[in-house]
Amino acid sequence: MSKVVLKVKFPGNCNGCELCVMEVQKQAGKIGLDGSLIRILRENDSGGLSFVVDMDPKVNEVDIEKIAKICPTGVFEIQDLVEENNGLLE
């Protein structure tokens, strides 16, 4: 059985809604944003406002399908590790 992981595929699509953060915190049984496995950071660049999605590798221990589905702009993708490593298992 291959392992699946959550990846940030389209970071430019992030609108900063933090629904993914709330879903992770809900699954972890935590209230608030402290210690979240996903953080959304605001970045001011010359072109305007953008967001950076920072993910802890431990995020793959929760239900990643729910996290990917809750994102309204499709930032995340679930990838198969075998596919990512060109068929080679580590």
C-alpha atoms as a PDB file:
ATOM      1  CA  MET A   1       0.000   0.000   0.000  1.00  0.00           C
ATOM      2  CA  SER A   2       1.394   3.376  -0.943  1.00  0.00           C
ATOM      3  CA  LYS A   3       1.335   6.414   1.291  1.00  0.00           C
ATOM      4  CA  VAL A   4      -0.560   9.551   0.304  1.00  0.00           C
ATOM      5  CA  VAL A   5       0.464  13.039   1.362  1.00  0.00           C
ATOM      6  CA  LEU A   6      -1.029  16.511   1.188  1.00  0.00           C
ATOM      7  CA  LYS A   7       0.909  18.981  -0.960  1.00  0.00           C
ATOM      8  CA  VAL A   8       0.469  22.677  -1.679  1.00  0.00           C
ATOM      9  CA  LYS A   9       0.022  22.476  -5.451  1.00  0.00           C
ATOM     10  CA  PHE A  10      -1.301  25.960  -6.259  1.00  0.00           C
ATOM     11  CA  PRO A  11      -0.060  28.400  -3.568  1.00  0.00           C
ATOM     12  CA  GLY A  12      -0.962  31.401  -5.728  1.00  0.00           C
ATOM     13  CA  ASN A  13      -4.649  30.467  -5.437  1.00  0.00           C
ATOM     14  CA  CYS A  14      -4.711  30.945  -1.644  1.00  0.00           C
ATOM     15  CA  ASN A  15      -7.084  33.742  -0.640  1.00  0.00           C
ATOM     16  CA  GLY A  16      -6.228  33.615   3.081  1.00  0.00           C
ATOM     17  CA  CYS A  17      -9.600  32.263   4.264  1.00  0.00           C
ATOM     18  CA  GLU A  18      -7.931  29.824   6.725  1.00  0.00           C
ATOM     19  CA  LEU A  19     -10.642  27.181   6.326  1.00  0.00           C
ATOM     20  CA  CYS A  20      -7.881  24.566   6.078  1.00  0.00           C
ATOM     21  CA  VAL A  21      -6.447  25.793   9.385  1.00  0.00           C
ATOM     22  CA  MET A  22      -9.841  25.509  11.052  1.00  0.00           C
ATOM     23  CA  GLU A  23     -10.329  21.978   9.695  1.00  0.00           C
ATOM     24  CA  VAL A  24      -6.915  20.869  11.017  1.00  0.00           C
ATOM     25  CA  GLN A  25      -7.639  22.380  14.408  1.00  0.00           C
ATOM     26  CA  LYS A  26     -11.070  20.739  14.483  1.00  0.00           C
ATOM     27  CA  GLN A  27      -9.532  17.343  13.744  1.00  0.00           C
ATOM     28  CA  ALA A  28      -6.872  17.894  16.411  1.00  0.00           C
ATOM     29  CA  GLY A  29      -9.520  18.927  18.942  1.00  0.00           C
ATOM     30  CA  LYS A  30      -7.906  22.327  19.521  1.00  0.00           C
ATOM     31  CA  ILE A  31      -9.497  25.728  19.888  1.00  0.00           C
ATOM     32  CA  GLY A  32      -7.714  28.721  18.388  1.00  0.00           C
ATOM     33  CA  LEU A  33      -4.775  28.967  16.024  1.00  0.00           C
ATOM     34  CA  ASP A  34      -1.925  28.082  18.407  1.00  0.00           C
ATOM     35  CA  GLY A  35       0.008  24.977  17.401  1.00  0.00           C
ATOM     36  CA  SER A  36      -1.772  24.503  14.088  1.00  0.00           C
ATOM     37  CA  LEU A  37      -0.261  22.103  11.566  1.00  0.00           C
ATOM     38  CA  ILE A  38      -1.142  24.540   8.766  1.00  0.00           C
ATOM     39  CA  ARG A  39      -0.464  28.257   8.935  1.00  0.00           C
ATOM     40  CA  ILE A  40      -1.443  30.931   6.425  1.00  0.00           C
ATOM     41  CA  LEU A  41       1.042  33.782   6.336  1.00  0.00           C
ATOM     42  CA  ARG A  42       0.364  37.116   4.683  1.00  0.00           C
ATOM     43  CA  GLU A  43       3.088  38.361   2.385  1.00  0.00           C
ATOM     44  CA  ASN A  44       3.220  41.916   1.106  1.00  0.00           C
ATOM     45  CA  ASP A  45       5.069  42.093  -2.154  1.00  0.00           C
ATOM     46  CA  SER A  46       5.307  44.843  -4.752  1.00  0.00           C
ATOM     47  CA  GLY A  47       2.427  43.323  -6.724  1.00  0.00           C
ATOM     48  CA  GLY A  48      -0.034  43.428  -3.844  1.00  0.00           C
ATOM     49  CA  LEU A  49      -1.188  41.051  -1.151  1.00  0.00           C
ATOM     50  CA  SER A  50      -0.423  37.335  -1.354  1.00  0.00           C
ATOM     51  CA  PHE A  51      -0.465  34.394   1.042  1.00  0.00           C
ATOM     52  CA  VAL A  52       2.004  31.643   1.883  1.00  0.00           C
ATOM     53  CA  VAL A  53       0.780  28.235   3.056  1.00  0.00           C
ATOM     54  CA  ASP A  54       3.120  26.741   5.675  1.00  0.00           C
ATOM     55  CA  MET A  55       2.487  23.058   6.447  1.00  0.00           C
ATOM     56  CA  ASP A  56       3.971  20.889   9.164  1.00  0.00           C
ATOM     57  CA  PRO A  57       4.783  17.359   7.874  1.00  0.00           C
ATOM     58  CA  LYS A  58       2.620  15.971  10.704  1.00  0.00           C
ATOM     59  CA  VAL A  59      -0.429  17.209   8.767  1.00  0.00           C
ATOM     60  CA  ASN A  60      -0.373  13.889   6.905  1.00  0.00           C
ATOM     61  CA  GLU A  61      -1.426  12.122  10.131  1.00  0.00           C
ATOM     62  CA  VAL A  62      -4.928  13.668   9.998  1.00  0.00           C
ATOM     63  CA  ASP A  63      -7.711  13.284   7.412  1.00  0.00           C
ATOM     64  CA  ILE A  64      -6.035  15.062   4.501  1.00  0.00           C
ATOM     65  CA  GLU A  65      -8.957  14.454   2.156  1.00  0.00           C
ATOM     66  CA  LYS A  66     -11.197  16.700   4.260  1.00  0.00           C
ATOM     67  CA  ILE A  67      -8.539  19.411   4.267  1.00  0.00           C
ATOM     68  CA  ALA A  68      -8.148  19.275   0.485  1.00  0.00           C
ATOM     69  CA  LYS A  69     -11.934  19.332  -0.048  1.00  0.00           C
ATOM     70  CA  ILE A  70     -12.598  22.284   2.272  1.00  0.00           C
ATOM     71  CA  CYS A  71     -10.310  24.651   0.330  1.00  0.00           C
ATOM     72  CA  PRO A  72     -12.545  26.822  -1.891  1.00  0.00           C
ATOM     73  CA  THR A  73      -9.715  27.734  -4.295  1.00  0.00           C
ATOM     74  CA  GLY A  74      -8.109  24.290  -4.727  1.00  0.00           C
ATOM     75  CA  VAL A  75      -4.690  25.056  -3.219  1.00  0.00           C
ATOM     76  CA  PHE A  76      -4.030  21.476  -2.082  1.00  0.00           C
ATOM     77  CA  GLU A  77      -3.496  18.206  -3.886  1.00  0.00           C
ATOM     78  CA  ILE A  78      -3.256  14.692  -2.504  1.00  0.00           C
ATOM     79  CA  GLN A  79      -0.259  12.906  -3.990  1.00  0.00           C
ATOM     80  CA  ASP A  80       0.897   9.326  -3.891  1.00  0.00           C
ATOM     81  CA  LEU A  81       4.488   9.029  -2.608  1.00  0.00           C
ATOM     82  CA  VAL A  82       5.263   6.241  -5.089  1.00  0.00           C
ATOM     83  CA  GLU A  83       4.171   8.532  -7.922  1.00  0.00           C
ATOM     84  CA  GLU A  84       6.192  11.434  -6.505  1.00  0.00           C
ATOM     85  CA  ASN A  85       9.387   9.349  -6.271  1.00  0.00           C
ATOM     86  CA  ASN A  86       8.991   8.009  -9.828  1.00  0.00           C
ATOM     87  CA  GLY A  87       8.055   4.561  -8.602  1.00  0.00           C
ATOM     88  CA  LEU A  88      10.908   4.248  -6.112  1.00  0.00           C
ATOM     89  CA  LEU A  89      10.097   3.633  -2.491  1.00  0.00           C
ATOM     90  CA  GLU A  90      12.369   5.123   0.102  1.00  0.00           C
END
